[in-house]
C-alpha atoms as a PDB file:
ATOM      1  CA  UNK A   1     273.626  49.982-133.915  1.00  0.00           C
ATOM      2  CA  UNK A   2     269.985  50.873-133.362  1.00  0.00           C
ATOM      3  CA  UNK A   3     267.949  51.754-136.460  1.00  0.00           C
ATOM      4  CA  UNK A   4     266.763  55.353-136.814  1.00  0.00           C
ATOM      5  CA  UNK A   5     263.974  56.324-139.233  1.00  0.00           C
ATOM      6  CA  UNK A   6     264.034  59.973-140.314  1.00  0.00           C
ATOM      7  CA  UNK A   7     260.673  61.098-141.717  1.00  0.00           C
ATOM      8  CA  UNK A   8     260.452  64.156-143.983  1.00  0.00           C
ATOM      9  CA  UNK A   9     257.209  65.258-145.604  1.00  0.00           C
ATOM     10  CA  UNK A  10     257.389  67.376-148.727  1.00  0.00           C
ATOM     11  CA  UNK A  11     254.759  69.397-150.542  1.00  0.00           C
ATOM     12  CA  UNK A  12     256.399  71.409-153.314  1.00  0.00           C
ATOM     13  CA  UNK A  13     259.298  73.600-152.157  1.00  0.00           C
ATOM     14  CA  UNK A  14     261.710  71.265-153.988  1.00  0.00           C
ATOM     15  CA  UNK A  15     264.585  73.622-153.235  1.00  0.00           C
ATOM     16  CA  UNK A  16     264.013  73.024-149.505  1.00  0.00           C
ATOM     17  CA  UNK A  17     263.783  69.252-149.893  1.00  0.00           C
ATOM     18  CA  UNK A  18     267.045  69.062-151.855  1.00  0.00           C
ATOM     19  CA  UNK A  19     268.915  71.003-149.175  1.00  0.00           C
ATOM     20  CA  UNK A  20     267.340  68.907-146.410  1.00  0.00           C
ATOM     21  CA  UNK A  21     268.284  65.584-148.024  1.00  0.00           C
ATOM     22  CA  UNK A  22     271.764  66.839-148.825  1.00  0.00           C
ATOM     23  CA  UNK A  23     272.378  67.988-145.256  1.00  0.00           C
ATOM     24  CA  UNK A  24     271.395  64.599-143.813  1.00  0.00           C
ATOM     25  CA  UNK A  25     273.586  62.703-146.281  1.00  0.00           C
ATOM     26  CA  UNK A  26     276.563  65.010-145.816  1.00  0.00           C
ATOM     27  CA  UNK A  27     276.448  65.743-142.093  1.00  0.00           C
ATOM     28  CA  UNK A  28     275.170  62.596-140.343  1.00  0.00           C
ATOM     29  CA  UNK A  29     277.923  60.555-138.705  1.00  0.00           C
ATOM     30  CA  UNK A  30     275.650  57.761-137.449  1.00  0.00           C
ATOM     31  CA  UNK A  31     275.074  55.314-140.299  1.00  0.00           C
ATOM     32  CA  UNK A  32     272.238  52.962-139.321  1.00  0.00           C
ATOM     33  CA  UNK A  33     269.412  55.175-140.486  1.00  0.00           C
ATOM     34  CA  UNK A  34     266.859  55.488-143.256  1.00  0.00           C
ATOM     35  CA  UNK A  35     265.645  58.821-144.585  1.00  0.00           C
ATOM     36  CA  UNK A  36     262.033  58.432-145.686  1.00  0.00           C
ATOM     37  CA  UNK A  37     260.584  61.140-147.908  1.00  0.00           C
ATOM     38  CA  UNK A  38     256.797  61.357-148.014  1.00  0.00           C
ATOM     39  CA  UNK A  39     256.022  63.363-151.146  1.00  0.00           C
ATOM     40  CA  UNK A  40     252.503  64.738-150.623  1.00  0.00           C
ATOM     41  CA  UNK A  41     251.545  64.842-154.325  1.00  0.00           C
ATOM     42  CA  UNK A  42     253.757  67.813-155.155  1.00  0.00           C
ATOM     43  CA  UNK A  43     253.347  69.535-158.512  1.00  0.00           C
ATOM     44  CA  UNK A  44     256.642  71.418-158.802  1.00  0.00           C
ATOM     45  CA  UNK A  45     258.971  68.640-160.021  1.00  0.00           C
ATOM     46  CA  UNK A  46     259.527  67.130-156.565  1.00  0.00           C
ATOM     47  CA  UNK A  47     258.106  63.758-157.685  1.00  0.00           C
ATOM     48  CA  UNK A  48     260.277  63.617-160.782  1.00  0.00           C
ATOM     49  CA  UNK A  49     263.437  64.571-158.904  1.00  0.00           C
ATOM     50  CA  UNK A  50     262.828  62.101-156.076  1.00  0.00           C
ATOM     51  CA  UNK A  51     261.907  59.317-158.519  1.00  0.00           C
ATOM     52  CA  UNK A  52     265.114  59.880-160.464  1.00  0.00           C
ATOM     53  CA  UNK A  53     267.138  59.776-157.246  1.00  0.00           C
ATOM     54  CA  UNK A  54     265.381  56.619-156.096  1.00  0.00           C
ATOM     55  CA  UNK A  55     265.639  54.738-159.394  1.00  0.00           C
ATOM     56  CA  UNK A  56     269.309  55.494-159.980  1.00  0.00           C
ATOM     57  CA  UNK A  57     270.409  54.083-156.627  1.00  0.00           C
ATOM     58  CA  UNK A  58     273.103  56.690-156.048  1.00  0.00           C
ATOM     59  CA  UNK A  59     275.504  55.406-153.391  1.00  0.00           C
ATOM     60  CA  UNK A  60     275.742  58.848-151.793  1.00  0.00           C
ATOM     61  CA  UNK A  61     272.027  58.686-151.033  1.00  0.00           C
ATOM     62  CA  UNK A  62     271.811  54.985-150.184  1.00  0.00           C
ATOM     63  CA  UNK A  63     269.823  55.723-146.995  1.00  0.00           C
ATOM     64  CA  UNK A  64     267.052  57.430-148.947  1.00  0.00           C
ATOM     65  CA  UNK A  65     263.580  55.851-149.336  1.00  0.00           C
ATOM     66  CA  UNK A  66     260.989  57.660-151.448  1.00  0.00           C
ATOM     67  CA  UNK A  67     257.200  57.372-151.272  1.00  0.00           C
ATOM     68  CA  UNK A  68     255.207  59.426-153.787  1.00  0.00           C
ATOM     69  CA  UNK A  69     251.638  59.827-152.510  1.00  0.00           C
ATOM     70  CA  UNK A  70     248.627  60.204-154.799  1.00  0.00           C
ATOM     71  CA  UNK A  71     247.183  62.983-152.630  1.00  0.00           C
ATOM     72  CA  UNK A  72     248.339  65.497-150.054  1.00  0.00           C
ATOM     73  CA  UNK A  73     248.190  63.999-146.563  1.00  0.00           C
ATOM     74  CA  UNK A  74     249.607  67.119-144.979  1.00  0.00           C
ATOM     75  CA  UNK A  75     252.443  67.399-142.501  1.00  0.00           C
ATOM     76  CA  UNK A  76     250.929  65.472-139.604  1.00  0.00           C
ATOM     77  CA  UNK A  77     248.878  63.122-141.794  1.00  0.00           C
ATOM     78  CA  UNK A  78     252.060  62.213-143.670  1.00  0.00           C
ATOM     79  CA  UNK A  79     253.814  61.603-140.369  1.00  0.00           C
ATOM     80  CA  UNK A  80     251.067  59.251-139.170  1.00  0.00           C
ATOM     81  CA  UNK A  81     251.077  57.404-142.497  1.00  0.00           C
ATOM     82  CA  UNK A  82     254.848  56.951-142.300  1.00  0.00           C
ATOM     83  CA  UNK A  83     254.416  54.616-139.320  1.00  0.00           C
ATOM     84  CA  UNK A  84     253.320  51.928-141.804  1.00  0.00           C
ATOM     85  CA  UNK A  85     256.412  52.530-143.946  1.00  0.00           C
ATOM     86  CA  UNK A  86     259.343  52.504-141.530  1.00  0.00           C
ATOM     87  CA  UNK A  87     261.713  49.544-141.434  1.00  0.00           C
ATOM     88  CA  UNK A  88     260.626  46.618-139.248  1.00  0.00           C
ATOM     89  CA  UNK A  89     263.722  47.019-137.086  1.00  0.00           C
ATOM     90  CA  UNK A  90     263.250  50.778-136.600  1.00  0.00           C
ATOM     91  CA  UNK A  91     263.805  51.750-132.958  1.00  0.00           C
ATOM     92  CA  UNK A  92     263.684  55.553-133.186  1.00  0.00           C
ATOM     93  CA  UNK A  93     261.673  57.957-135.315  1.00  0.00           C
ATOM     94  CA  UNK A  94     262.750  61.488-136.178  1.00  0.00           C
ATOM     95  CA  UNK A  95     260.385  64.079-137.554  1.00  0.00           C
ATOM     96  CA  UNK A  96     262.424  66.384-139.752  1.00  0.00           C
ATOM     97  CA  UNK A  97     260.660  69.144-141.659  1.00  0.00           C
ATOM     98  CA  UNK A  98     261.928  69.659-145.196  1.00  0.00           C
ATOM     99  CA  UNK A  99     263.045  73.222-144.382  1.00  0.00           C
ATOM    100  CA  UNK A 100     265.579  71.997-141.814  1.00  0.00           C
ATOM    101  CA  UNK A 101     269.308  71.406-142.269  1.00  0.00           C
ATOM    102  CA  UNK A 102     271.710  69.426-140.066  1.00  0.00           C
ATOM    103  CA  UNK A 103     274.394  71.396-138.240  1.00  0.00           C
ATOM    104  CA  UNK A 104     275.817  68.803-135.830  1.00  0.00           C
ATOM    105  CA  UNK A 105     277.191  65.533-137.318  1.00  0.00           C
ATOM    106  CA  UNK A 106     276.559  63.745-134.013  1.00  0.00           C
ATOM    107  CA  UNK A 107     272.951  64.863-133.679  1.00  0.00           C
ATOM    108  CA  UNK A 108     271.573  61.299-133.684  1.00  0.00           C
ATOM    109  CA  UNK A 109     273.905  60.112-130.943  1.00  0.00           C
ATOM    110  CA  UNK A 110     273.078  63.111-128.768  1.00  0.00           C
ATOM    111  CA  UNK A 111     269.328  62.719-129.122  1.00  0.00           C
ATOM    112  CA  UNK A 112     269.475  58.969-128.477  1.00  0.00           C
ATOM    113  CA  UNK A 113     271.596  59.547-125.380  1.00  0.00           C
ATOM    114  CA  UNK A 114     268.816  61.597-123.800  1.00  0.00           C
ATOM    115  CA  UNK A 115     266.104  59.078-124.724  1.00  0.00           C
ATOM    116  CA  UNK A 116     268.185  56.106-123.531  1.00  0.00           C
ATOM    117  CA  UNK A 117     269.527  57.454-120.234  1.00  0.00           C
ATOM    118  CA  UNK A 118     266.842  59.849-118.905  1.00  0.00           C
ATOM    119  CA  UNK A 119     263.046  59.740-118.371  1.00  0.00           C
ATOM    120  CA  UNK A 120     262.589  61.977-121.446  1.00  0.00           C
ATOM    121  CA  UNK A 121     260.468  60.458-124.241  1.00  0.00           C
ATOM    122  CA  UNK A 122     260.568  63.277-126.833  1.00  0.00           C
ATOM    123  CA  UNK A 123     263.649  65.412-127.468  1.00  0.00           C
ATOM    124  CA  UNK A 124     263.962  68.159-130.075  1.00  0.00           C
ATOM    125  CA  UNK A 125     266.739  70.357-131.374  1.00  0.00           C
ATOM    126  CA  UNK A 126     266.984  74.105-131.033  1.00  0.00           C
ATOM    127  CA  UNK A 127     265.946  75.881-134.240  1.00  0.00           C
ATOM    128  CA  UNK A 128     268.358  78.542-135.439  1.00  0.00           C
ATOM    129  CA  UNK A 129     266.723  81.154-137.627  1.00  0.00           C
ATOM    130  CA  UNK A 130     263.583  81.670-135.554  1.00  0.00           C
ATOM    131  CA  UNK A 131     262.795  85.227-134.573  1.00  0.00           C
ATOM    132  CA  UNK A 132     261.854  84.237-131.043  1.00  0.00           C
ATOM    133  CA  UNK A 133     263.217  80.919-129.745  1.00  0.00           C
ATOM    134  CA  UNK A 134     261.496  79.126-126.868  1.00  0.00           C
ATOM    135  CA  UNK A 135     263.989  78.659-124.052  1.00  0.00           C
ATOM    136  CA  UNK A 136     263.849  75.275-122.252  1.00  0.00           C
ATOM    137  CA  UNK A 137     262.817  75.376-118.593  1.00  0.00           C
ATOM    138  CA  UNK A 138     264.476  73.682-115.615  1.00  0.00           C
ATOM    139  CA  UNK A 139     267.582  72.704-117.633  1.00  0.00           C
ATOM    140  CA  UNK A 140     269.345  69.424-116.987  1.00  0.00           C
ATOM    141  CA  UNK A 141     272.917  68.521-117.909  1.00  0.00           C
ATOM    142  CA  UNK A 142     274.131  65.357-119.582  1.00  0.00           C
ATOM    143  CA  UNK A 143     277.662  64.279-120.499  1.00  0.00           C
ATOM    144  CA  UNK A 144     278.364  63.411-124.120  1.00  0.00           C
ATOM    145  CA  UNK A 145     281.939  62.198-124.544  1.00  0.00           C
ATOM    146  CA  UNK A 146     283.201  64.841-122.133  1.00  0.00           C
ATOM    147  CA  UNK A 147     280.974  67.605-123.507  1.00  0.00           C
ATOM    148  CA  UNK A 148     278.175  68.967-121.333  1.00  0.00           C
ATOM    149  CA  UNK A 149     274.844  69.145-123.147  1.00  0.00           C
ATOM    150  CA  UNK A 150     271.861  71.003-121.729  1.00  0.00           C
ATOM    151  CA  UNK A 151     268.188  70.248-122.224  1.00  0.00           C
ATOM    152  CA  UNK A 152     264.968  71.112-120.464  1.00  0.00           C
ATOM    153  CA  UNK A 153     261.197  70.958-120.614  1.00  0.00           C
ATOM    154  CA  UNK A 154     259.762  73.022-123.461  1.00  0.00           C
ATOM    155  CA  UNK A 155     256.779  75.230-122.568  1.00  0.00           C
ATOM    156  CA  UNK A 156     255.497  74.825-126.138  1.00  0.00           C
ATOM    157  CA  UNK A 157     252.446  72.578-126.296  1.00  0.00           C
ATOM    158  CA  UNK A 158     253.809  70.332-129.026  1.00  0.00           C
ATOM    159  CA  UNK A 159     257.095  69.162-130.544  1.00  0.00           C
ATOM    160  CA  UNK A 160     258.037  70.915-133.760  1.00  0.00           C
ATOM    161  CA  UNK A 161     260.396  70.866-136.748  1.00  0.00           C
ATOM    162  CA  UNK A 162     263.021  68.332-135.669  1.00  0.00           C
ATOM    163  CA  UNK A 163     262.366  65.842-132.868  1.00  0.00           C
ATOM    164  CA  UNK A 164     263.054  62.231-131.925  1.00  0.00           C
ATOM    165  CA  UNK A 165     261.093  59.620-130.018  1.00  0.00           C
ATOM    166  CA  UNK A 166     261.088  55.829-129.818  1.00  0.00           C
ATOM    167  CA  UNK A 167     259.266  54.125-132.675  1.00  0.00           C
ATOM    168  CA  UNK A 168     257.245  51.884-130.381  1.00  0.00           C
ATOM    169  CA  UNK A 169     256.107  54.853-128.286  1.00  0.00           C
ATOM    170  CA  UNK A 170     254.791  56.541-131.421  1.00  0.00           C
ATOM    171  CA  UNK A 171     253.058  53.374-132.647  1.00  0.00           C
ATOM    172  CA  UNK A 172     251.463  52.806-129.239  1.00  0.00           C
ATOM    173  CA  UNK A 173     250.094  56.348-129.270  1.00  0.00           C
ATOM    174  CA  UNK A 174     248.891  56.299-132.883  1.00  0.00           C
ATOM    175  CA  UNK A 175     245.285  55.231-132.213  1.00  0.00           C
ATOM    176  CA  UNK A 176     244.856  58.103-129.735  1.00  0.00           C
ATOM    177  CA  UNK A 177     246.114  60.833-132.057  1.00  0.00           C
ATOM    178  CA  UNK A 178     243.747  63.040-134.113  1.00  0.00           C
ATOM    179  CA  UNK A 179     244.751  64.072-137.615  1.00  0.00           C
ATOM    180  CA  UNK A 180     244.715  67.782-136.827  1.00  0.00           C
ATOM    181  CA  UNK A 181     248.288  69.092-136.769  1.00  0.00           C
ATOM    182  CA  UNK A 182     248.179  71.028-133.524  1.00  0.00           C
ATOM    183  CA  UNK A 183     245.990  68.630-131.561  1.00  0.00           C
ATOM    184  CA  UNK A 184     247.848  65.554-132.784  1.00  0.00           C
ATOM    185  CA  UNK A 185     251.258  66.773-131.709  1.00  0.00           C
ATOM    186  CA  UNK A 186     249.910  68.272-128.498  1.00  0.00           C
ATOM    187  CA  UNK A 187     248.306  64.984-127.467  1.00  0.00           C
ATOM    188  CA  UNK A 188     251.418  63.013-128.458  1.00  0.00           C
ATOM    189  CA  UNK A 189     253.490  65.271-126.199  1.00  0.00           C
ATOM    190  CA  UNK A 190     251.004  64.909-123.358  1.00  0.00           C
ATOM    191  CA  UNK A 191     250.888  61.107-123.660  1.00  0.00           C
ATOM    192  CA  UNK A 192     254.674  60.880-123.503  1.00  0.00           C
ATOM    193  CA  UNK A 193     255.204  63.220-120.576  1.00  0.00           C
ATOM    194  CA  UNK A 194     255.940  66.434-122.419  1.00  0.00           C
ATOM    195  CA  UNK A 195     258.529  67.560-124.950  1.00  0.00           C
ATOM    196  CA  UNK A 196     262.106  68.370-124.015  1.00  0.00           C
ATOM    197  CA  UNK A 197     264.491  70.539-125.981  1.00  0.00           C
ATOM    198  CA  UNK A 198     268.233  71.044-126.282  1.00  0.00           C
ATOM    199  CA  UNK A 199     269.450  74.543-125.569  1.00  0.00           C
ATOM    200  CA  UNK A 200     272.874  74.026-127.173  1.00  0.00           C
ATOM    201  CA  UNK A 201     272.347  71.448-129.951  1.00  0.00           C
ATOM    202  CA  UNK A 202     270.782  73.134-132.952  1.00  0.00           C
ATOM    203  CA  UNK A 203     269.552  72.771-136.507  1.00  0.00           C
ATOM    204  CA  UNK A 204     269.183  75.392-139.224  1.00  0.00           C
ATOM    205  CA  UNK A 205     265.763  76.575-140.363  1.00  0.00           C
ATOM    206  CA  UNK A 206     266.424  77.320-144.020  1.00  0.00           C
ATOM    207  CA  UNK A 207     264.005  80.182-144.584  1.00  0.00           C
ATOM    208  CA  UNK A 208     263.844  81.420-141.026  1.00  0.00           C
ATOM    209  CA  UNK A 209     260.857  83.236-139.621  1.00  0.00           C
ATOM    210  CA  UNK A 210     260.734  86.954-138.905  1.00  0.00           C
ATOM    211  CA  UNK A 211     257.299  88.330-137.874  1.00  0.00           C
ATOM    212  CA  UNK A 212     258.271  92.012-138.304  1.00  0.00           C
ATOM    213  CA  UNK A 213     258.252  91.300-142.050  1.00  0.00           C
ATOM    214  CA  UNK A 214     254.466  91.317-141.713  1.00  0.00           C
ATOM    215  CA  UNK A 215     254.003  87.744-142.940  1.00  0.00           C
ATOM    216  CA  UNK A 216     251.714  85.293-141.231  1.00  0.00           C
ATOM    217  CA  UNK A 217     253.578  82.051-140.399  1.00  0.00           C
ATOM    218  CA  UNK A 218     251.520  79.798-142.671  1.00  0.00           C
ATOM    219  CA  UNK A 219     251.515  82.346-145.486  1.00  0.00           C
ATOM    220  CA  UNK A 220     255.268  82.618-145.120  1.00  0.00           C
ATOM    221  CA  UNK A 221     256.048  78.883-145.082  1.00  0.00           C
ATOM    222  CA  UNK A 222     253.133  77.314-146.956  1.00  0.00           C
ATOM    223  CA  UNK A 223     250.416  78.376-149.422  1.00  0.00           C
ATOM    224  CA  UNK A 224     247.443  79.598-147.403  1.00  0.00           C
ATOM    225  CA  UNK A 225     245.035  77.189-149.173  1.00  0.00           C
ATOM    226  CA  UNK A 226     247.304  74.232-148.425  1.00  0.00           C
ATOM    227  CA  UNK A 227     247.673  74.514-144.673  1.00  0.00           C
ATOM    228  CA  UNK A 228     247.835  71.286-142.726  1.00  0.00           C
ATOM    229  CA  UNK A 229     244.371  71.583-141.228  1.00  0.00           C
ATOM    230  CA  UNK A 230     242.649  71.942-144.612  1.00  0.00           C
ATOM    231  CA  UNK A 231     244.199  68.898-146.270  1.00  0.00           C
ATOM    232  CA  UNK A 232     244.961  66.575-143.398  1.00  0.00           C
ATOM    233  CA  UNK A 233     242.557  63.761-144.313  1.00  0.00           C
ATOM    234  CA  UNK A 234     243.817  60.170-144.414  1.00  0.00           C
END
């Protein structure tokens, strides 16, 4: 079985991180994976909780690997830094935000199928809980054990929330990627031929996002003085 490295960055929001870790442990059928948590110097008990989990070696969470950082590298900075921390035999990397939960136990197999059998180099899941979902364009169909899955090119400029690509592709692109969140992911997508997205394989966005509430996205999901762009310095 090919090794999959799931990367989750956490800055506070411990309640999100707990649900994220729990969903991976409970709902992932594929077993050759590691779930790496990059704790970006949280101050809300995240470090203590993760350290306890890590030190007690709980069998239920035996795929978990914890790295407590001494400063906040941000979302994208933490993702770049994780490339030095994945297992040597890692063949696929998954970015999984800490406010995402697994819905489909065979999510790994489905994402790998697209990467292994089509020209697609980045595939992401559909987010459930978004006010306005981006619909994939020019949908293709692929057979997964008799089930038809649909995916297409995403008109968004960058992959978001929950996506998979080959580890070597990410490492090869690393030197060309800026630390800025938007530009880094946009350039990664461009280098790898664009991002593709499932239209019928989804994940749950824990807090959702509903613009009519009057909240700005970053204010809603993250403290305004801790946005990625302000702290993303390696």
